Amino acid sequence: MKKQYKTPYILGALFFFILGVVLSNTYRPYIYTNHIYDYHFADTIGNWVAVPSLTLLVVGINKYTPYKATLYSVMVWFLYEIIPFGVFDYYDLLATLASGVLTYLAFYIFKPSGKH
């Protein structure tokens, strides 16, 4: 039996990935160059977009429900921050957690099709 992919979710994952790349290469340099304090958003762009991107990708390939995928994505990015050398930024962890909460709420509000 051929595996069915959920194209809108995969396209959403691609959107967040591209958004992260664009913001990291435009917004972040602008903020740093002009010495603007943006409450650490420029520093945590990757964390803000990583959770919804991975969540949508996992849901798109029919691996997990949206809610489990969100939880797993937050766990993966937490581990990614903590494991490499034990040096991590609390702002990155907070952004990952906040992004997970927003992603979860978006799924809850828009109630995607499929089992939950």
PDB file of N, CA and C in Angstrom:
ATOM      1  N   MET A   1       0.840  -1.180   0.000  1.00  0.00           N
ATOM      2  CA  MET A   1       0.000   0.000   0.000  1.00  0.00           C
ATOM      3  C   MET A   1       0.888   1.248   0.000  1.00  0.00           C
ATOM      4  N   LYS A   2       0.582   2.185  -0.882  1.00  0.00           N
ATOM      5  CA  LYS A   2       1.365   3.408  -1.002  1.00  0.00           C
ATOM      6  C   LYS A   2       1.048   4.364   0.148  1.00  0.00           C
ATOM      7  N   LYS A   3       2.089   4.951   0.709  1.00  0.00           N
ATOM      8  CA  LYS A   3       1.923   5.873   1.831  1.00  0.00           C
ATOM      9  C   LYS A   3       1.375   7.203   1.339  1.00  0.00           C
ATOM     10  N   GLN A   4       0.359   7.699   2.019  1.00  0.00           N
ATOM     11  CA  GLN A   4      -0.241   8.983   1.679  1.00  0.00           C
ATOM     12  C   GLN A   4       0.427  10.090   2.485  1.00  0.00           C
ATOM     13  N   TYR A   5       0.902  11.090   1.801  1.00  0.00           N
ATOM     14  CA  TYR A   5       1.482  12.243   2.483  1.00  0.00           C
ATOM     15  C   TYR A   5       0.458  13.368   2.501  1.00  0.00           C
ATOM     16  N   LYS A   6       0.514  14.180   3.544  1.00  0.00           N
ATOM     17  CA  LYS A   6      -0.379  15.326   3.657  1.00  0.00           C
ATOM     18  C   LYS A   6       0.374  16.553   3.162  1.00  0.00           C
ATOM     19  N   THR A   7       0.186  16.864   1.903  1.00  0.00           N
ATOM     20  CA  THR A   7       0.933  17.922   1.233  1.00  0.00           C
ATOM     21  C   THR A   7       0.833  19.285   1.918  1.00  0.00           C
ATOM     22  N   PRO A   8      -0.344  19.725   2.369  1.00  0.00           N
ATOM     23  CA  PRO A   8      -0.389  21.055   3.017  1.00  0.00           C
ATOM     24  C   PRO A   8       0.525  21.156   4.233  1.00  0.00           C
ATOM     25  N   TYR A   9       0.628  20.082   4.995  1.00  0.00           N
ATOM     26  CA  TYR A   9       1.499  20.104   6.171  1.00  0.00           C
ATOM     27  C   TYR A   9       2.970  20.167   5.757  1.00  0.00           C
ATOM     28  N   ILE A  10       3.318  19.430   4.740  1.00  0.00           N
ATOM     29  CA  ILE A  10       4.703  19.446   4.259  1.00  0.00           C
ATOM     30  C   ILE A  10       5.052  20.820   3.693  1.00  0.00           C
ATOM     31  N   LEU A  11       4.118  21.430   2.975  1.00  0.00           N
ATOM     32  CA  LEU A  11       4.346  22.785   2.462  1.00  0.00           C
ATOM     33  C   LEU A  11       4.452  23.792   3.612  1.00  0.00           C
ATOM     34  N   GLY A  12       3.668  23.595   4.661  1.00  0.00           N
ATOM     35  CA  GLY A  12       3.763  24.457   5.845  1.00  0.00           C
ATOM     36  C   GLY A  12       5.122  24.336   6.505  1.00  0.00           C
ATOM     37  N   ALA A  13       5.626  23.100   6.588  1.00  0.00           N
ATOM     38  CA  ALA A  13       6.961  22.874   7.152  1.00  0.00           C
ATOM     39  C   ALA A  13       8.007  23.596   6.319  1.00  0.00           C
ATOM     40  N   LEU A  14       7.886  23.501   5.017  1.00  0.00           N
ATOM     41  CA  LEU A  14       8.816  24.182   4.110  1.00  0.00           C
ATOM     42  C   LEU A  14       8.728  25.697   4.276  1.00  0.00           C
ATOM     43  N   PHE A  15       7.512  26.201   4.452  1.00  0.00           N
ATOM     44  CA  PHE A  15       7.320  27.637   4.671  1.00  0.00           C
ATOM     45  C   PHE A  15       8.073  28.112   5.913  1.00  0.00           C
ATOM     46  N   PHE A  16       7.902  27.397   7.032  1.00  0.00           N
ATOM     47  CA  PHE A  16       8.583  27.811   8.267  1.00  0.00           C
ATOM     48  C   PHE A  16      10.092  27.685   8.148  1.00  0.00           C
ATOM     49  N   PHE A  17      10.547  26.661   7.445  1.00  0.00           N
ATOM     50  CA  PHE A  17      11.984  26.503   7.229  1.00  0.00           C
ATOM     51  C   PHE A  17      12.537  27.690   6.435  1.00  0.00           C
ATOM     52  N   ILE A  18      11.877  28.032   5.345  1.00  0.00           N
ATOM     53  CA  ILE A  18      12.315  29.156   4.505  1.00  0.00           C
ATOM     54  C   ILE A  18      12.206  30.468   5.277  1.00  0.00           C
ATOM     55  N   LEU A  19      11.143  30.623   6.052  1.00  0.00           N
ATOM     56  CA  LEU A  19      10.987  31.825   6.875  1.00  0.00           C
ATOM     57  C   LEU A  19      12.164  31.979   7.830  1.00  0.00           C
ATOM     58  N   GLY A  20      12.581  30.896   8.450  1.00  0.00           N
ATOM     59  CA  GLY A  20      13.725  30.940   9.350  1.00  0.00           C
ATOM     60  C   GLY A  20      15.002  31.338   8.646  1.00  0.00           C
ATOM     61  N   VAL A  21      15.221  30.791   7.464  1.00  0.00           N
ATOM     62  CA  VAL A  21      16.425  31.121   6.685  1.00  0.00           C
ATOM     63  C   VAL A  21      16.404  32.595   6.285  1.00  0.00           C
ATOM     64  N   VAL A  22      15.264  33.059   5.804  1.00  0.00           N
ATOM     65  CA  VAL A  22      15.153  34.457   5.364  1.00  0.00           C
ATOM     66  C   VAL A  22      15.352  35.408   6.547  1.00  0.00           C
ATOM     67  N   LEU A  23      14.671  35.146   7.664  1.00  0.00           N
ATOM     68  CA  LEU A  23      14.809  36.031   8.822  1.00  0.00           C
ATOM     69  C   LEU A  23      16.224  36.008   9.400  1.00  0.00           C
ATOM     70  N   SER A  24      16.842  34.844   9.407  1.00  0.00           N
ATOM     71  CA  SER A  24      18.212  34.746   9.924  1.00  0.00           C
ATOM     72  C   SER A  24      19.206  35.495   9.058  1.00  0.00           C
ATOM     73  N   ASN A  25      18.904  35.618   7.777  1.00  0.00           N
ATOM     74  CA  ASN A  25      19.830  36.278   6.854  1.00  0.00           C
ATOM     75  C   ASN A  25      19.475  37.728   6.548  1.00  0.00           C
ATOM     76  N   THR A  26      18.334  38.191   7.028  1.00  0.00           N
ATOM     77  CA  THR A  26      17.950  39.590   6.787  1.00  0.00           C
ATOM     78  C   THR A  26      17.691  40.314   8.101  1.00  0.00           C
ATOM     79  N   TYR A  27      16.745  39.817   8.870  1.00  0.00           N
ATOM     80  CA  TYR A  27      16.355  40.484  10.113  1.00  0.00           C
ATOM     81  C   TYR A  27      17.487  40.486  11.136  1.00  0.00           C
ATOM     82  N   ARG A  28      18.092  39.345  11.372  1.00  0.00           N
ATOM     83  CA  ARG A  28      19.154  39.249  12.383  1.00  0.00           C
ATOM     84  C   ARG A  28      20.315  40.199  12.078  1.00  0.00           C
ATOM     85  N   PRO A  29      20.879  40.203  10.850  1.00  0.00           N
ATOM     86  CA  PRO A  29      21.979  41.153  10.578  1.00  0.00           C
ATOM     87  C   PRO A  29      21.546  42.618  10.741  1.00  0.00           C
ATOM     88  N   TYR A  30      20.301  42.918  10.356  1.00  0.00           N
ATOM     89  CA  TYR A  30      19.807  44.284  10.497  1.00  0.00           C
ATOM     90  C   TYR A  30      19.771  44.700  11.971  1.00  0.00           C
ATOM     91  N   ILE A  31      19.257  43.822  12.811  1.00  0.00           N
ATOM     92  CA  ILE A  31      19.172  44.112  14.246  1.00  0.00           C
ATOM     93  C   ILE A  31      20.566  44.280  14.848  1.00  0.00           C
ATOM     94  N   TYR A  32      21.474  43.381  14.497  1.00  0.00           N
ATOM     95  CA  TYR A  32      22.833  43.456  15.045  1.00  0.00           C
ATOM     96  C   TYR A  32      23.575  44.692  14.543  1.00  0.00           C
ATOM     97  N   THR A  33      23.446  44.995  13.264  1.00  0.00           N
ATOM     98  CA  THR A  33      24.144  46.136  12.681  1.00  0.00           C
ATOM     99  C   THR A  33      23.685  47.452  13.302  1.00  0.00           C
ATOM    100  N   ASN A  34      22.385  47.551  13.555  1.00  0.00           N
ATOM    101  CA  ASN A  34      21.825  48.800  14.075  1.00  0.00           C
ATOM    102  C   ASN A  34      21.704  48.818  15.597  1.00  0.00           C
ATOM    103  N   HIS A  35      22.243  47.805  16.254  1.00  0.00           N
ATOM    104  CA  HIS A  35      22.255  47.732  17.717  1.00  0.00           C
ATOM    105  C   HIS A  35      20.866  47.958  18.313  1.00  0.00           C
ATOM    106  N   ILE A  36      19.897  47.246  17.771  1.00  0.00           N
ATOM    107  CA  ILE A  36      18.515  47.355  18.230  1.00  0.00           C
ATOM    108  C   ILE A  36      18.234  46.219  19.217  1.00  0.00           C
ATOM    109  N   TYR A  37      17.626  46.564  20.329  1.00  0.00           N
ATOM    110  CA  TYR A  37      17.251  45.539  21.296  1.00  0.00           C
ATOM    111  C   TYR A  37      15.842  45.061  20.953  1.00  0.00           C
ATOM    112  N   ASP A  38      15.722  43.819  20.561  1.00  0.00           N
ATOM    113  CA  ASP A  38      14.425  43.266  20.161  1.00  0.00           C
ATOM    114  C   ASP A  38      13.979  42.135  21.076  1.00  0.00           C
ATOM    115  N   TYR A  39      14.380  42.202  22.329  1.00  0.00           N
ATOM    116  CA  TYR A  39      14.014  41.203  23.326  1.00  0.00           C
ATOM    117  C   TYR A  39      14.475  39.806  22.933  1.00  0.00           C
ATOM    118  N   HIS A  40      15.635  39.723  22.328  1.00  0.00           N
ATOM    119  CA  HIS A  40      16.304  38.472  21.951  1.00  0.00           C
ATOM    120  C   HIS A  40      15.613  37.702  20.824  1.00  0.00           C
ATOM    121  N   PHE A  41      14.697  38.351  20.116  1.00  0.00           N
ATOM    122  CA  PHE A  41      14.036  37.638  19.014  1.00  0.00           C
ATOM    123  C   PHE A  41      15.039  37.268  17.927  1.00  0.00           C
ATOM    124  N   ALA A  42      15.926  38.180  17.574  1.00  0.00           N
ATOM    125  CA  ALA A  42      16.914  37.894  16.520  1.00  0.00           C
ATOM    126  C   ALA A  42      17.802  36.713  16.907  1.00  0.00           C
ATOM    127  N   ASP A  43      18.076  36.586  18.184  1.00  0.00           N
ATOM    128  CA  ASP A  43      18.919  35.489  18.654  1.00  0.00           C
ATOM    129  C   ASP A  43      18.205  34.141  18.627  1.00  0.00           C
ATOM    130  N   THR A  44      16.893  34.165  18.695  1.00  0.00           N
ATOM    131  CA  THR A  44      16.124  32.922  18.844  1.00  0.00           C
ATOM    132  C   THR A  44      15.234  32.591  17.648  1.00  0.00           C
ATOM    133  N   ILE A  45      15.470  33.231  16.515  1.00  0.00           N
ATOM    134  CA  ILE A  45      14.639  32.991  15.326  1.00  0.00           C
ATOM    135  C   ILE A  45      14.561  31.501  15.002  1.00  0.00           C
ATOM    136  N   GLY A  46      15.689  30.843  15.020  1.00  0.00           N
ATOM    137  CA  GLY A  46      15.712  29.423  14.685  1.00  0.00           C
ATOM    138  C   GLY A  46      14.819  28.598  15.582  1.00  0.00           C
ATOM    139  N   ASN A  47      14.783  28.919  16.860  1.00  0.00           N
ATOM    140  CA  ASN A  47      13.943  28.180  17.798  1.00  0.00           C
ATOM    141  C   ASN A  47      12.458  28.444  17.551  1.00  0.00           C
ATOM    142  N   TRP A  48      12.135  29.679  17.195  1.00  0.00           N
ATOM    143  CA  TRP A  48      10.732  30.017  16.931  1.00  0.00           C
ATOM    144  C   TRP A  48      10.171  29.273  15.728  1.00  0.00           C
ATOM    145  N   VAL A  49      10.990  29.070  14.702  1.00  0.00           N
ATOM    146  CA  VAL A  49      10.484  28.417  13.491  1.00  0.00           C
ATOM    147  C   VAL A  49      10.748  26.914  13.460  1.00  0.00           C
ATOM    148  N   ALA A  50      11.682  26.436  14.275  1.00  0.00           N
ATOM    149  CA  ALA A  50      12.046  25.011  14.241  1.00  0.00           C
ATOM    150  C   ALA A  50      10.911  24.117  14.716  1.00  0.00           C
ATOM    151  N   VAL A  51      10.236  24.503  15.774  1.00  0.00           N
ATOM    152  CA  VAL A  51       9.172  23.656  16.319  1.00  0.00           C
ATOM    153  C   VAL A  51       8.011  23.510  15.334  1.00  0.00           C
ATOM    154  N   PRO A  52       7.436  24.601  14.812  1.00  0.00           N
ATOM    155  CA  PRO A  52       6.343  24.392  13.861  1.00  0.00           C
ATOM    156  C   PRO A  52       6.803  23.683  12.584  1.00  0.00           C
ATOM    157  N   SER A  53       8.020  23.952  12.149  1.00  0.00           N
ATOM    158  CA  SER A  53       8.518  23.304  10.941  1.00  0.00           C
ATOM    159  C   SER A  53       8.627  21.791  11.119  1.00  0.00           C
ATOM    160  N   LEU A  54       9.271  21.356  12.192  1.00  0.00           N
ATOM    161  CA  LEU A  54       9.416  19.920  12.436  1.00  0.00           C
ATOM    162  C   LEU A  54       8.061  19.278  12.721  1.00  0.00           C
ATOM    163  N   THR A  55       7.219  19.957  13.465  1.00  0.00           N
ATOM    164  CA  THR A  55       5.890  19.423  13.771  1.00  0.00           C
ATOM    165  C   THR A  55       5.094  19.187  12.495  1.00  0.00           C
ATOM    166  N   LEU A  56       5.060  20.178  11.629  1.00  0.00           N
ATOM    167  CA  LEU A  56       4.305  20.042  10.379  1.00  0.00           C
ATOM    168  C   LEU A  56       4.888  18.957   9.478  1.00  0.00           C
ATOM    169  N   LEU A  57       6.201  18.845   9.454  1.00  0.00           N
ATOM    170  CA  LEU A  57       6.825  17.798   8.653  1.00  0.00           C
ATOM    171  C   LEU A  57       6.441  16.411   9.165  1.00  0.00           C
ATOM    172  N   VAL A  58       6.513  16.231  10.468  1.00  0.00           N
ATOM    173  CA  VAL A  58       6.186  14.928  11.062  1.00  0.00           C
ATOM    174  C   VAL A  58       4.710  14.583  10.839  1.00  0.00           C
ATOM    175  N   VAL A  59       3.822  15.550  10.986  1.00  0.00           N
ATOM    176  CA  VAL A  59       2.404  15.317  10.734  1.00  0.00           C
ATOM    177  C   VAL A  59       2.185  15.043   9.239  1.00  0.00           C
ATOM    178  N   GLY A  60       2.910  15.769   8.403  1.00  0.00           N
ATOM    179  CA  GLY A  60       2.766  15.607   6.957  1.00  0.00           C
ATOM    180  C   GLY A  60       3.167  14.240   6.439  1.00  0.00           C
ATOM    181  N   ILE A  61       4.100  13.606   7.110  1.00  0.00           N
ATOM    182  CA  ILE A  61       4.487  12.257   6.671  1.00  0.00           C
ATOM    183  C   ILE A  61       3.728  11.191   7.461  1.00  0.00           C
ATOM    184  N   ASN A  62       2.666  11.640   8.136  1.00  0.00           N
ATOM    185  CA  ASN A  62       1.769  10.733   8.859  1.00  0.00           C
ATOM    186  C   ASN A  62       2.462   9.931   9.945  1.00  0.00           C
ATOM    187  N   LYS A  63       3.391  10.542  10.616  1.00  0.00           N
ATOM    188  CA  LYS A  63       4.120   9.829  11.653  1.00  0.00           C
ATOM    189  C   LYS A  63       3.381   9.899  12.994  1.00  0.00           C
ATOM    190  N   TYR A  64       2.904  11.072  13.375  1.00  0.00           N
ATOM    191  CA  TYR A  64       2.229  11.247  14.658  1.00  0.00           C
ATOM    192  C   TYR A  64       1.055  12.204  14.503  1.00  0.00           C
ATOM    193  N   THR A  65       0.221  12.245  15.533  1.00  0.00           N
ATOM    194  CA  THR A  65      -0.856  13.232  15.551  1.00  0.00           C
ATOM    195  C   THR A  65      -0.227  14.612  15.764  1.00  0.00           C
ATOM    196  N   PRO A  66      -0.940  15.676  15.447  1.00  0.00           N
ATOM    197  CA  PRO A  66      -0.377  17.022  15.631  1.00  0.00           C
ATOM    198  C   PRO A  66       0.084  17.301  17.060  1.00  0.00           C
ATOM    199  N   TYR A  67      -0.657  16.818  18.030  1.00  0.00           N
ATOM    200  CA  TYR A  67      -0.321  17.116  19.415  1.00  0.00           C
ATOM    201  C   TYR A  67       0.929  16.359  19.870  1.00  0.00           C
ATOM    202  N   LYS A  68       1.032  15.101  19.501  1.00  0.00           N
ATOM    203  CA  LYS A  68       2.239  14.338  19.827  1.00  0.00           C
ATOM    204  C   LYS A  68       3.435  14.891  19.067  1.00  0.00           C
ATOM    205  N   ALA A  69       3.223  15.244  17.816  1.00  0.00           N
ATOM    206  CA  ALA A  69       4.316  15.787  17.005  1.00  0.00           C
ATOM    207  C   ALA A  69       4.850  17.079  17.611  1.00  0.00           C
ATOM    208  N   THR A  70       3.967  17.908  18.140  1.00  0.00           N
ATOM    209  CA  THR A  70       4.398  19.155  18.789  1.00  0.00           C
ATOM    210  C   THR A  70       5.233  18.849  20.030  1.00  0.00           C
ATOM    211  N   LEU A  71       4.758  17.933  20.833  1.00  0.00           N
ATOM    212  CA  LEU A  71       5.498  17.549  22.037  1.00  0.00           C
ATOM    213  C   LEU A  71       6.869  16.983  21.679  1.00  0.00           C
ATOM    214  N   TYR A  72       6.916  16.093  20.708  1.00  0.00           N
ATOM    215  CA  TYR A  72       8.184  15.499  20.296  1.00  0.00           C
ATOM    216  C   TYR A  72       9.131  16.538  19.701  1.00  0.00           C
ATOM    217  N   SER A  73       8.579  17.485  18.945  1.00  0.00           N
ATOM    218  CA  SER A  73       9.416  18.537  18.363  1.00  0.00           C
ATOM    219  C   SER A  73      10.059  19.390  19.443  1.00  0.00           C
ATOM    220  N   VAL A  74       9.281  19.758  20.450  1.00  0.00           N
ATOM    221  CA  VAL A  74       9.834  20.541  21.557  1.00  0.00           C
ATOM    222  C   VAL A  74      10.930  19.743  22.253  1.00  0.00           C
ATOM    223  N   MET A  75      10.692  18.455  22.479  1.00  0.00           N
ATOM    224  CA  MET A  75      11.700  17.617  23.134  1.00  0.00           C
ATOM    225  C   MET A  75      12.976  17.527  22.302  1.00  0.00           C
ATOM    226  N   VAL A  76      12.825  17.337  20.992  1.00  0.00           N
ATOM    227  CA  VAL A  76      13.990  17.240  20.103  1.00  0.00           C
ATOM    228  C   VAL A  76      14.808  18.521  20.149  1.00  0.00           C
ATOM    229  N   TRP A  77      14.162  19.681  20.064  1.00  0.00           N
ATOM    230  CA  TRP A  77      14.904  20.941  20.038  1.00  0.00           C
ATOM    231  C   TRP A  77      15.480  21.291  21.404  1.00  0.00           C
ATOM    232  N   PHE A  78      14.825  20.856  22.479  1.00  0.00           N
ATOM    233  CA  PHE A  78      15.422  21.021  23.806  1.00  0.00           C
ATOM    234  C   PHE A  78      16.713  20.220  23.892  1.00  0.00           C
ATOM    235  N   LEU A  79      16.648  18.971  23.467  1.00  0.00           N
ATOM    236  CA  LEU A  79      17.847  18.125  23.492  1.00  0.00           C
ATOM    237  C   LEU A  79      18.936  18.693  22.594  1.00  0.00           C
ATOM    238  N   TYR A  80      18.547  19.227  21.459  1.00  0.00           N
ATOM    239  CA  TYR A  80      19.496  19.834  20.530  1.00  0.00           C
ATOM    240  C   TYR A  80      20.236  20.995  21.191  1.00  0.00           C
ATOM    241  N   GLU A  81      19.536  21.747  22.014  1.00  0.00           N
ATOM    242  CA  GLU A  81      20.154  22.882  22.712  1.00  0.00           C
ATOM    243  C   GLU A  81      21.068  22.426  23.841  1.00  0.00           C
ATOM    244  N   ILE A  82      20.672  21.386  24.542  1.00  0.00           N
ATOM    245  CA  ILE A  82      21.368  20.988  25.762  1.00  0.00           C
ATOM    246  C   ILE A  82      22.538  20.043  25.510  1.00  0.00           C
ATOM    247  N   ILE A  83      22.369  19.077  24.634  1.00  0.00           N
ATOM    248  CA  ILE A  83      23.346  18.001  24.489  1.00  0.00           C
ATOM    249  C   ILE A  83      24.709  18.404  23.919  1.00  0.00           C
ATOM    250  N   PRO A  84      24.810  19.227  22.871  1.00  0.00           N
ATOM    251  CA  PRO A  84      26.112  19.376  22.209  1.00  0.00           C
ATOM    252  C   PRO A  84      27.307  19.536  23.134  1.00  0.00           C
ATOM    253  N   PHE A  85      27.322  20.550  23.959  1.00  0.00           N
ATOM    254  CA  PHE A  85      28.465  20.753  24.848  1.00  0.00           C
ATOM    255  C   PHE A  85      28.019  21.130  26.253  1.00  0.00           C
ATOM    256  N   GLY A  86      26.737  21.015  26.510  1.00  0.00           N
ATOM    257  CA  GLY A  86      26.233  21.411  27.813  1.00  0.00           C
ATOM    258  C   GLY A  86      26.118  22.907  27.972  1.00  0.00           C
ATOM    259  N   VAL A  87      26.415  23.648  26.916  1.00  0.00           N
ATOM    260  CA  VAL A  87      26.303  25.102  26.953  1.00  0.00           C
ATOM    261  C   VAL A  87      25.062  25.482  26.164  1.00  0.00           C
ATOM    262  N   PHE A  88      24.142  26.105  26.822  1.00  0.00           N
ATOM    263  CA  PHE A  88      22.928  26.498  26.133  1.00  0.00           C
ATOM    264  C   PHE A  88      22.473  27.856  26.619  1.00  0.00           C
ATOM    265  N   ASP A  89      21.609  28.442  25.845  1.00  0.00           N
ATOM    266  CA  ASP A  89      21.082  29.759  26.140  1.00  0.00           C
ATOM    267  C   ASP A  89      19.648  29.599  26.646  1.00  0.00           C
ATOM    268  N   TYR A  90      19.375  30.173  27.787  1.00  0.00           N
ATOM    269  CA  TYR A  90      18.031  30.075  28.348  1.00  0.00           C
ATOM    270  C   TYR A  90      16.993  30.713  27.434  1.00  0.00           C
ATOM    271  N   TYR A  91      17.376  31.746  26.712  1.00  0.00           N
ATOM    272  CA  TYR A  91      16.440  32.379  25.785  1.00  0.00           C
ATOM    273  C   TYR A  91      16.041  31.412  24.674  1.00  0.00           C
ATOM    274  N   ASP A  92      16.982  30.596  24.215  1.00  0.00           N
ATOM    275  CA  ASP A  92      16.657  29.595  23.200  1.00  0.00           C
ATOM    276  C   ASP A  92      15.678  28.561  23.743  1.00  0.00           C
ATOM    277  N   LEU A  93      15.891  28.140  24.983  1.00  0.00           N
ATOM    278  CA  LEU A  93      14.978  27.168  25.589  1.00  0.00           C
ATOM    279  C   LEU A  93      13.587  27.766  25.784  1.00  0.00           C
ATOM    280  N   LEU A  94      13.532  29.018  26.211  1.00  0.00           N
ATOM    281  CA  LEU A  94      12.238  29.680  26.382  1.00  0.00           C
ATOM    282  C   LEU A  94      11.532  29.868  25.044  1.00  0.00           C
ATOM    283  N   ALA A  95      12.279  30.230  24.014  1.00  0.00           N
ATOM    284  CA  ALA A  95      11.688  30.397  22.691  1.00  0.00           C
ATOM    285  C   ALA A  95      11.167  29.064  22.159  1.00  0.00           C
ATOM    286  N   THR A  96      11.897  27.984  22.403  1.00  0.00           N
ATOM    287  CA  THR A  96      11.447  26.667  21.975  1.00  0.00           C
ATOM    288  C   THR A  96      10.151  26.290  22.681  1.00  0.00           C
ATOM    289  N   LEU A  97      10.103  26.518  23.965  1.00  0.00           N
ATOM    290  CA  LEU A  97       8.901  26.200  24.731  1.00  0.00           C
ATOM    291  C   LEU A  97       7.725  27.065  24.281  1.00  0.00           C
ATOM    292  N   ALA A  98       7.954  28.359  24.121  1.00  0.00           N
ATOM    293  CA  ALA A  98       6.887  29.260  23.674  1.00  0.00           C
ATOM    294  C   ALA A  98       6.410  28.894  22.279  1.00  0.00           C
ATOM    295  N   SER A  99       7.327  28.543  21.410  1.00  0.00           N
ATOM    296  CA  SER A  99       6.960  28.125  20.060  1.00  0.00           C
ATOM    297  C   SER A  99       6.121  26.848  20.092  1.00  0.00           C
ATOM    298  N   GLY A 100       6.476  25.942  20.989  1.00  0.00           N
ATOM    299  CA  GLY A 100       5.698  24.717  21.148  1.00  0.00           C
ATOM    300  C   GLY A 100       4.283  25.007  21.618  1.00  0.00           C
ATOM    301  N   VAL A 101       4.150  25.915  22.576  1.00  0.00           N
ATOM    302  CA  VAL A 101       2.829  26.288  23.073  1.00  0.00           C
ATOM    303  C   VAL A 101       2.006  26.922  21.956  1.00  0.00           C
ATOM    304  N   LEU A 102       2.611  27.830  21.197  1.00  0.00           N
ATOM    305  CA  LEU A 102       1.884  28.478  20.093  1.00  0.00           C
ATOM    306  C   LEU A 102       1.505  27.479  19.003  1.00  0.00           C
ATOM    307  N   THR A 103       2.395  26.544  18.711  1.00  0.00           N
ATOM    308  CA  THR A 103       2.098  25.524  17.710  1.00  0.00           C
ATOM    309  C   THR A 103       0.947  24.644  18.183  1.00  0.00           C
ATOM    310  N   TYR A 104       1.001  24.238  19.438  1.00  0.00           N
ATOM    311  CA  TYR A 104      -0.071  23.421  20.013  1.00  0.00           C
ATOM    312  C   TYR A 104      -1.405  24.168  19.951  1.00  0.00           C
ATOM    313  N   LEU A 105      -1.387  25.443  20.348  1.00  0.00           N
ATOM    314  CA  LEU A 105      -2.613  26.248  20.316  1.00  0.00           C
ATOM    315  C   LEU A 105      -3.155  26.400  18.900  1.00  0.00           C
ATOM    316  N   ALA A 106      -2.265  26.569  17.931  1.00  0.00           N
ATOM    317  CA  ALA A 106      -2.707  26.692  16.535  1.00  0.00           C
ATOM    318  C   ALA A 106      -3.416  25.420  16.084  1.00  0.00           C
ATOM    319  N   PHE A 107      -2.867  24.277  16.433  1.00  0.00           N
ATOM    320  CA  PHE A 107      -3.534  23.014  16.092  1.00  0.00           C
ATOM    321  C   PHE A 107      -4.861  22.882  16.831  1.00  0.00           C
ATOM    322  N   TYR A 108      -4.898  23.312  18.075  1.00  0.00           N
ATOM    323  CA  TYR A 108      -6.122  23.217  18.858  1.00  0.00           C
ATOM    324  C   TYR A 108      -7.208  24.130  18.297  1.00  0.00           C
ATOM    325  N   ILE A 109      -6.825  25.339  17.948  1.00  0.00           N
ATOM    326  CA  ILE A 109      -7.805  26.313  17.445  1.00  0.00           C
ATOM    327  C   ILE A 109      -8.326  25.920  16.066  1.00  0.00           C
ATOM    328  N   PHE A 110      -7.438  25.499  15.195  1.00  0.00           N
ATOM    329  CA  PHE A 110      -7.833  25.202  13.811  1.00  0.00           C
ATOM    330  C   PHE A 110      -8.256  23.758  13.603  1.00  0.00           C
ATOM    331  N   LYS A 111      -8.141  22.920  14.619  1.00  0.00           N
ATOM    332  CA  LYS A 111      -8.597  21.530  14.608  1.00  0.00           C
ATOM    333  C   LYS A 111      -8.367  20.826  13.274  1.00  0.00           C
ATOM    334  N   PRO A 112      -7.116  20.406  13.021  1.00  0.00           N
ATOM    335  CA  PRO A 112      -6.828  19.732  11.760  1.00  0.00           C
ATOM    336  C   PRO A 112      -7.560  18.398  11.655  1.00  0.00           C
ATOM    337  N   SER A 113      -7.791  17.971  10.427  1.00  0.00           N
ATOM    338  CA  SER A 113      -8.457  16.690  10.218  1.00  0.00           C
ATOM    339  C   SER A 113      -7.538  15.565  10.644  1.00  0.00           C
ATOM    340  N   GLY A 114      -8.116  14.425  10.933  1.00  0.00           N
ATOM    341  CA  GLY A 114      -7.325  13.288  11.377  1.00  0.00           C
ATOM    342  C   GLY A 114      -7.544  13.067  12.854  1.00  0.00           C
ATOM    343  N   LYS A 115      -6.987  11.998  13.364  1.00  0.00           N
ATOM    344  CA  LYS A 115      -7.192  11.695  14.780  1.00  0.00           C
ATOM    345  C   LYS A 115      -6.279  12.544  15.654  1.00  0.00           C
ATOM    346  N   HIS A 116      -6.698  12.770  16.878  1.00  0.00           N
ATOM    347  CA  HIS A 116      -5.931  13.627  17.808  1.00  0.00           C
ATOM    348  C   HIS A 116      -5.513  12.850  18.999  1.00  0.00           C
TER     349      HIS A 116
END
